[in-house]
């Protein structure tokens, strides 16, 4: 179960990035050693979709 901090990002932050940062083990549980998270890579390359930013 993710912590309350991981599921409640502050205004202006991306919900996915916040969750992946504060519940990293849970969010990245299916990844192997040195394997990049496809969702994180997508956000690093393409930015954050507007609908994921807390207003």
Protein backbone atom coordinates (compact mmCIF):
# COMPACT_ATOMS: atom_id res chain seq x y z
CA UNK A 1 0.00 0.00 0.00
CA UNK A 2 1.39 3.37 -1.00
CA UNK A 3 1.95 6.01 1.64
CA UNK A 4 -0.37 8.98 1.94
CA UNK A 5 2.44 11.22 0.69
CA UNK A 6 2.75 9.16 -2.51
CA UNK A 7 -0.94 9.44 -3.31
CA UNK A 8 -1.42 13.13 -2.46
CA UNK A 9 0.88 15.32 -4.58
CA UNK A 10 0.97 19.08 -4.05
CA UNK A 11 -0.36 21.56 -6.59
CA UNK A 12 1.67 21.84 -9.76
CA UNK A 13 3.13 18.34 -9.51
CA UNK A 14 2.52 15.38 -11.83
CA UNK A 15 0.53 12.63 -10.08
CA UNK A 16 2.41 9.83 -11.83
CA UNK A 17 5.87 11.23 -11.17
CA UNK A 18 4.99 11.94 -7.54
CA UNK A 19 3.71 8.39 -7.04
CA UNK A 20 6.74 6.85 -8.75
CA UNK A 21 9.07 8.95 -6.59
CA UNK A 22 7.43 8.26 -3.21
CA UNK A 23 6.19 4.70 -3.80
CA UNK A 24 9.09 3.65 -5.98
CA UNK A 25 9.25 0.03 -4.88
CA UNK A 26 5.55 -0.46 -5.46
CA UNK A 27 5.47 1.44 -8.76
CA UNK A 28 8.54 -0.33 -10.13
CA UNK A 29 7.94 -3.80 -8.65
CA UNK A 30 7.77 -5.56 -12.02
CA UNK A 31 11.04 -4.17 -13.33
CA UNK A 32 14.27 -6.11 -13.40
CA UNK A 33 17.67 -4.87 -12.27
CA UNK A 34 18.80 -1.80 -14.25
CA UNK A 35 15.54 -1.85 -16.23
CA UNK A 36 14.05 1.58 -16.90
CA UNK A 37 10.40 2.23 -16.13
CA UNK A 38 8.65 2.89 -19.47
CA UNK A 39 6.25 5.39 -17.86
CA UNK A 40 9.08 7.36 -16.26
CA UNK A 41 11.08 7.39 -19.50
CA UNK A 42 8.01 8.60 -21.40
CA UNK A 43 7.62 11.52 -18.98
CA UNK A 44 11.31 12.38 -19.15
CA UNK A 45 11.22 12.47 -22.95
CA UNK A 46 7.75 13.87 -23.64
CA UNK A 47 6.90 15.89 -20.57
CA UNK A 48 3.87 15.65 -18.34
CA UNK A 49 0.36 15.49 -19.79
CA UNK A 50 -1.76 18.41 -18.58
CA UNK A 51 -4.42 16.10 -17.14
CA UNK A 52 -1.87 14.60 -14.72
CA UNK A 53 -0.80 17.91 -13.16
CA UNK A 54 -2.56 18.73 -9.89
CA UNK A 55 -4.37 22.07 -10.11
